[in-house]
Amino acid sequence: MIEFLAGMLSIVLAALAGVLGCLALMASQRFQERRFFLIGTAFLVMMVTAVLAALAEFDVFATSWYDESFALEPVPLALLILTVLLVYGAMSGRHRPPGSSQDGGR
């Protein structure tokens, strides 16, 4: 049961990290900022790690070193998902220029 939960959390993490990675890379193309490219690359590396963890948890490969190297437990996966959701929330909020406020700058 724990292996199945860890595998499902790995799939959720891979999906979230993949979406954020692609959004950040597209933003780096539009705004020409290196920070977006670095964040997007970091999310894509996290996605690859989560995919490898899911493959290890579902015993797709029969290699012994593969399972031990990429096996993740549900608690670290849940913390990674929480982190990705927090970053997603920060990236999806409305961007206001500095010095502006909701009441028209009064």
N, C-alpha and C. Protein backbone atom coordinates (compact mmCIF):
# COMPACT_ATOMS: atom_id res chain seq x y z
N MET A 1 0.82 -1.19 0.00
CA MET A 1 0.00 0.00 0.00
C MET A 1 0.88 1.27 0.00
N ILE A 2 1.94 1.28 0.79
CA ILE A 2 2.83 2.44 0.84
C ILE A 2 3.52 2.64 -0.50
N GLU A 3 3.92 1.54 -1.14
CA GLU A 3 4.58 1.65 -2.44
C GLU A 3 3.64 2.26 -3.48
N PHE A 4 2.37 1.85 -3.43
CA PHE A 4 1.38 2.39 -4.37
C PHE A 4 1.17 3.88 -4.12
N LEU A 5 1.07 4.27 -2.84
CA LEU A 5 0.91 5.68 -2.50
C LEU A 5 2.12 6.50 -2.96
N ALA A 6 3.31 5.97 -2.74
CA ALA A 6 4.52 6.67 -3.18
C ALA A 6 4.56 6.78 -4.71
N GLY A 7 4.13 5.75 -5.40
CA GLY A 7 4.07 5.80 -6.86
C GLY A 7 3.08 6.83 -7.36
N MET A 8 1.91 6.91 -6.74
CA MET A 8 0.91 7.90 -7.13
C MET A 8 1.40 9.32 -6.85
N LEU A 9 2.02 9.52 -5.68
CA LEU A 9 2.57 10.84 -5.36
C LEU A 9 3.68 11.22 -6.33
N SER A 10 4.45 10.24 -6.77
CA SER A 10 5.50 10.51 -7.76
C SER A 10 4.90 10.99 -9.08
N ILE A 11 3.80 10.39 -9.47
CA ILE A 11 3.14 10.79 -10.72
C ILE A 11 2.58 12.20 -10.58
N VAL A 12 1.97 12.52 -9.43
CA VAL A 12 1.45 13.87 -9.19
C VAL A 12 2.58 14.88 -9.23
N LEU A 13 3.69 14.57 -8.56
CA LEU A 13 4.83 15.47 -8.55
C LEU A 13 5.40 15.66 -9.95
N ALA A 14 5.49 14.59 -10.71
CA ALA A 14 6.01 14.70 -12.08
C ALA A 14 5.12 15.60 -12.93
N ALA A 15 3.82 15.46 -12.78
CA ALA A 15 2.89 16.29 -13.57
C ALA A 15 3.00 17.76 -13.18
N LEU A 16 2.98 18.04 -11.87
CA LEU A 16 3.07 19.42 -11.42
C LEU A 16 4.40 20.06 -11.81
N ALA A 17 5.49 19.34 -11.60
CA ALA A 17 6.80 19.89 -11.93
C ALA A 17 6.95 20.07 -13.44
N GLY A 18 6.38 19.16 -14.22
CA GLY A 18 6.44 19.30 -15.67
C GLY A 18 5.69 20.52 -16.18
N VAL A 19 4.51 20.76 -15.63
CA VAL A 19 3.73 21.93 -16.03
C VAL A 19 4.48 23.22 -15.66
N LEU A 20 4.97 23.28 -14.42
CA LEU A 20 5.69 24.48 -14.00
C LEU A 20 6.98 24.67 -14.77
N GLY A 21 7.66 23.57 -15.08
CA GLY A 21 8.89 23.68 -15.86
C GLY A 21 8.63 24.23 -17.25
N CYS A 22 7.59 23.73 -17.89
CA CYS A 22 7.25 24.23 -19.23
C CYS A 22 6.82 25.69 -19.19
N LEU A 23 6.02 26.07 -18.18
CA LEU A 23 5.61 27.47 -18.06
C LEU A 23 6.80 28.39 -17.85
N ALA A 24 7.73 27.97 -17.00
CA ALA A 24 8.90 28.80 -16.74
C ALA A 24 9.79 28.91 -17.98
N LEU A 25 9.93 27.82 -18.73
CA LEU A 25 10.73 27.89 -19.95
C LEU A 25 10.07 28.78 -21.01
N MET A 26 8.75 28.71 -21.10
CA MET A 26 8.05 29.61 -22.03
C MET A 26 8.19 31.06 -21.59
N ALA A 27 8.14 31.30 -20.28
CA ALA A 27 8.33 32.66 -19.78
C ALA A 27 9.74 33.16 -20.05
N SER A 28 10.71 32.26 -19.99
CA SER A 28 12.09 32.68 -20.27
C SER A 28 12.26 33.08 -21.74
N GLN A 29 11.50 32.45 -22.63
CA GLN A 29 11.55 32.84 -24.03
C GLN A 29 10.89 34.20 -24.26
N ARG A 30 9.80 34.43 -23.56
CA ARG A 30 9.05 35.68 -23.76
C ARG A 30 9.75 36.87 -23.12
N PHE A 31 10.22 36.72 -21.89
CA PHE A 31 10.77 37.85 -21.15
C PHE A 31 12.29 37.92 -21.18
N GLN A 32 12.94 36.94 -21.77
CA GLN A 32 14.40 36.92 -21.90
C GLN A 32 15.10 37.09 -20.56
N GLU A 33 14.62 36.37 -19.52
CA GLU A 33 15.25 36.42 -18.22
C GLU A 33 15.85 35.06 -17.90
N ARG A 34 17.06 35.11 -17.40
CA ARG A 34 17.77 33.87 -17.09
C ARG A 34 17.15 33.15 -15.90
N ARG A 35 16.54 33.90 -14.98
CA ARG A 35 15.95 33.28 -13.79
C ARG A 35 14.85 32.29 -14.17
N PHE A 36 14.02 32.67 -15.12
CA PHE A 36 12.95 31.78 -15.56
C PHE A 36 13.52 30.50 -16.16
N PHE A 37 14.59 30.64 -16.93
CA PHE A 37 15.22 29.46 -17.53
C PHE A 37 15.78 28.53 -16.45
N LEU A 38 16.42 29.10 -15.44
CA LEU A 38 16.98 28.27 -14.36
C LEU A 38 15.89 27.60 -13.55
N ILE A 39 14.82 28.32 -13.26
CA ILE A 39 13.70 27.73 -12.52
C ILE A 39 13.04 26.63 -13.34
N GLY A 40 12.85 26.88 -14.63
CA GLY A 40 12.25 25.87 -15.50
C GLY A 40 13.10 24.62 -15.59
N THR A 41 14.40 24.80 -15.69
CA THR A 41 15.31 23.65 -15.73
C THR A 41 15.26 22.87 -14.43
N ALA A 42 15.21 23.58 -13.31
CA ALA A 42 15.13 22.91 -12.00
C ALA A 42 13.84 22.09 -11.89
N PHE A 43 12.73 22.64 -12.35
CA PHE A 43 11.47 21.90 -12.30
C PHE A 43 11.50 20.68 -13.22
N LEU A 44 12.14 20.81 -14.37
CA LEU A 44 12.22 19.66 -15.28
C LEU A 44 13.12 18.57 -14.69
N VAL A 45 14.18 18.96 -13.99
CA VAL A 45 15.01 17.96 -13.30
C VAL A 45 14.20 17.28 -12.20
N MET A 46 13.38 18.06 -11.48
CA MET A 46 12.51 17.47 -10.45
C MET A 46 11.51 16.52 -11.09
N MET A 47 11.00 16.86 -12.27
CA MET A 47 10.07 15.98 -12.96
C MET A 47 10.73 14.66 -13.33
N VAL A 48 11.96 14.73 -13.85
CA VAL A 48 12.67 13.51 -14.21
C VAL A 48 12.90 12.64 -12.98
N THR A 49 13.26 13.26 -11.85
CA THR A 49 13.46 12.51 -10.62
C THR A 49 12.16 11.84 -10.18
N ALA A 50 11.04 12.55 -10.30
CA ALA A 50 9.75 11.97 -9.90
C ALA A 50 9.34 10.83 -10.83
N VAL A 51 9.63 10.96 -12.13
CA VAL A 51 9.32 9.88 -13.07
C VAL A 51 10.16 8.65 -12.73
N LEU A 52 11.44 8.85 -12.46
CA LEU A 52 12.29 7.73 -12.08
C LEU A 52 11.84 7.09 -10.78
N ALA A 53 11.37 7.91 -9.83
CA ALA A 53 10.85 7.37 -8.57
C ALA A 53 9.59 6.54 -8.82
N ALA A 54 8.71 7.02 -9.70
CA ALA A 54 7.50 6.26 -10.01
C ALA A 54 7.85 4.94 -10.68
N LEU A 55 8.78 4.96 -11.61
CA LEU A 55 9.20 3.72 -12.27
C LEU A 55 9.81 2.75 -11.27
N ALA A 56 10.56 3.28 -10.31
CA ALA A 56 11.16 2.42 -9.29
C ALA A 56 10.11 1.84 -8.36
N GLU A 57 9.11 2.65 -7.97
CA GLU A 57 8.08 2.17 -7.05
C GLU A 57 7.17 1.13 -7.70
N PHE A 58 6.93 1.25 -8.99
CA PHE A 58 6.08 0.29 -9.68
C PHE A 58 6.85 -0.89 -10.26
N ASP A 59 8.15 -1.00 -9.93
CA ASP A 59 9.00 -2.12 -10.34
C ASP A 59 8.99 -2.33 -11.86
N VAL A 60 9.15 -1.25 -12.60
CA VAL A 60 9.18 -1.35 -14.06
C VAL A 60 10.48 -2.00 -14.52
N PHE A 61 11.57 -1.65 -13.85
CA PHE A 61 12.86 -2.23 -14.19
C PHE A 61 13.29 -3.18 -13.09
N ALA A 62 13.95 -4.26 -13.47
CA ALA A 62 14.35 -5.28 -12.50
C ALA A 62 15.77 -5.08 -11.98
N THR A 63 16.34 -3.91 -12.17
CA THR A 63 17.70 -3.65 -11.72
C THR A 63 17.69 -3.26 -10.25
N SER A 64 18.55 -3.88 -9.45
CA SER A 64 18.52 -3.63 -8.01
C SER A 64 19.01 -2.23 -7.66
N TRP A 65 20.03 -1.70 -8.35
CA TRP A 65 20.53 -0.36 -8.02
C TRP A 65 19.53 0.71 -8.38
N TYR A 66 18.68 0.45 -9.38
CA TYR A 66 17.71 1.44 -9.82
C TYR A 66 16.67 1.70 -8.74
N ASP A 67 16.18 0.63 -8.12
CA ASP A 67 15.14 0.78 -7.11
C ASP A 67 15.68 1.50 -5.88
N GLU A 68 16.86 1.16 -5.43
CA GLU A 68 17.40 1.79 -4.23
C GLU A 68 17.79 3.24 -4.48
N SER A 69 18.23 3.54 -5.66
CA SER A 69 18.68 4.91 -5.94
C SER A 69 17.53 5.91 -6.04
N PHE A 70 16.41 5.50 -6.60
CA PHE A 70 15.34 6.44 -6.87
C PHE A 70 14.08 6.19 -6.05
N ALA A 71 14.12 5.28 -5.11
CA ALA A 71 12.95 5.02 -4.28
C ALA A 71 12.73 6.20 -3.33
N LEU A 72 11.57 6.78 -3.36
CA LEU A 72 11.21 7.88 -2.48
C LEU A 72 10.04 7.45 -1.62
N GLU A 73 10.03 7.91 -0.40
CA GLU A 73 8.94 7.58 0.52
C GLU A 73 7.83 8.63 0.39
N PRO A 74 6.64 8.30 0.85
CA PRO A 74 5.51 9.22 0.70
C PRO A 74 5.70 10.58 1.39
N VAL A 75 6.35 10.63 2.55
CA VAL A 75 6.50 11.91 3.24
C VAL A 75 7.39 12.88 2.47
N PRO A 76 8.60 12.49 1.99
CA PRO A 76 9.37 13.44 1.18
C PRO A 76 8.65 13.83 -0.11
N LEU A 77 7.93 12.90 -0.71
CA LEU A 77 7.18 13.24 -1.92
C LEU A 77 6.08 14.24 -1.61
N ALA A 78 5.39 14.07 -0.49
CA ALA A 78 4.33 15.01 -0.12
C ALA A 78 4.91 16.40 0.14
N LEU A 79 6.09 16.46 0.76
CA LEU A 79 6.73 17.75 1.00
C LEU A 79 7.16 18.40 -0.31
N LEU A 80 7.67 17.61 -1.26
CA LEU A 80 8.03 18.15 -2.56
C LEU A 80 6.80 18.67 -3.30
N ILE A 81 5.68 17.95 -3.21
CA ILE A 81 4.44 18.39 -3.84
C ILE A 81 3.96 19.69 -3.22
N LEU A 82 4.04 19.80 -1.90
CA LEU A 82 3.65 21.04 -1.22
C LEU A 82 4.52 22.20 -1.69
N THR A 83 5.81 21.96 -1.83
CA THR A 83 6.72 23.00 -2.31
C THR A 83 6.36 23.44 -3.72
N VAL A 84 6.09 22.48 -4.58
CA VAL A 84 5.73 22.81 -5.96
C VAL A 84 4.41 23.58 -6.01
N LEU A 85 3.45 23.19 -5.17
CA LEU A 85 2.17 23.90 -5.14
C LEU A 85 2.34 25.33 -4.64
N LEU A 86 3.21 25.54 -3.67
CA LEU A 86 3.48 26.90 -3.19
C LEU A 86 4.11 27.76 -4.29
N VAL A 87 5.05 27.19 -5.02
CA VAL A 87 5.67 27.93 -6.12
C VAL A 87 4.65 28.19 -7.22
N TYR A 88 3.78 27.20 -7.48
CA TYR A 88 2.73 27.38 -8.48
C TYR A 88 1.82 28.53 -8.09
N GLY A 89 1.44 28.57 -6.82
CA GLY A 89 0.61 29.67 -6.34
C GLY A 89 1.29 31.01 -6.47
N ALA A 90 2.58 31.05 -6.20
CA ALA A 90 3.32 32.29 -6.33
C ALA A 90 3.45 32.72 -7.79
N MET A 91 3.62 31.78 -8.68
CA MET A 91 3.79 32.11 -10.09
C MET A 91 2.47 32.44 -10.78
N SER A 92 1.37 31.94 -10.27
CA SER A 92 0.10 32.14 -10.96
C SER A 92 -0.65 33.38 -10.47
N GLY A 93 -0.16 34.04 -9.42
CA GLY A 93 -0.83 35.23 -8.92
C GLY A 93 -0.67 36.39 -9.87
N ARG A 94 -1.53 37.38 -9.71
CA ARG A 94 -1.45 38.57 -10.56
C ARG A 94 -0.19 39.35 -10.22
N HIS A 95 0.46 39.82 -11.24
CA HIS A 95 1.67 40.61 -11.05
C HIS A 95 1.30 42.09 -11.08
N ARG A 96 1.64 42.78 -10.01
CA ARG A 96 1.42 44.23 -9.96
C ARG A 96 2.78 44.91 -9.96
N PRO A 97 2.88 46.01 -10.67
CA PRO A 97 4.14 46.75 -10.64
C PRO A 97 4.43 47.27 -9.24
N PRO A 98 5.71 47.41 -8.85
CA PRO A 98 6.02 47.93 -7.53
C PRO A 98 5.45 49.33 -7.34
N GLY A 99 4.93 49.59 -6.15
CA GLY A 99 4.38 50.91 -5.85
C GLY A 99 2.91 51.06 -6.15
N SER A 100 2.32 50.06 -6.82
CA SER A 100 0.88 50.16 -7.08
C SER A 100 0.12 49.44 -5.98
N SER A 101 -1.09 49.88 -5.75
CA SER A 101 -1.93 49.22 -4.77
C SER A 101 -3.31 48.99 -5.35
N GLN A 102 -4.14 48.32 -4.59
CA GLN A 102 -5.46 47.98 -5.10
C GLN A 102 -6.38 49.20 -5.16
N ASP A 103 -6.12 50.21 -4.34
CA ASP A 103 -7.03 51.35 -4.32
C ASP A 103 -6.56 52.48 -5.24
N GLY A 104 -5.78 52.18 -6.24
CA GLY A 104 -5.40 53.17 -7.24
C GLY A 104 -4.18 54.00 -6.88
N GLY A 105 -3.38 53.55 -5.91
CA GLY A 105 -2.15 54.23 -5.57
C GLY A 105 -2.31 55.36 -4.58
N ARG A 106 -3.41 55.39 -3.86
CA ARG A 106 -3.63 56.46 -2.86
C ARG A 106 -2.92 56.17 -1.59
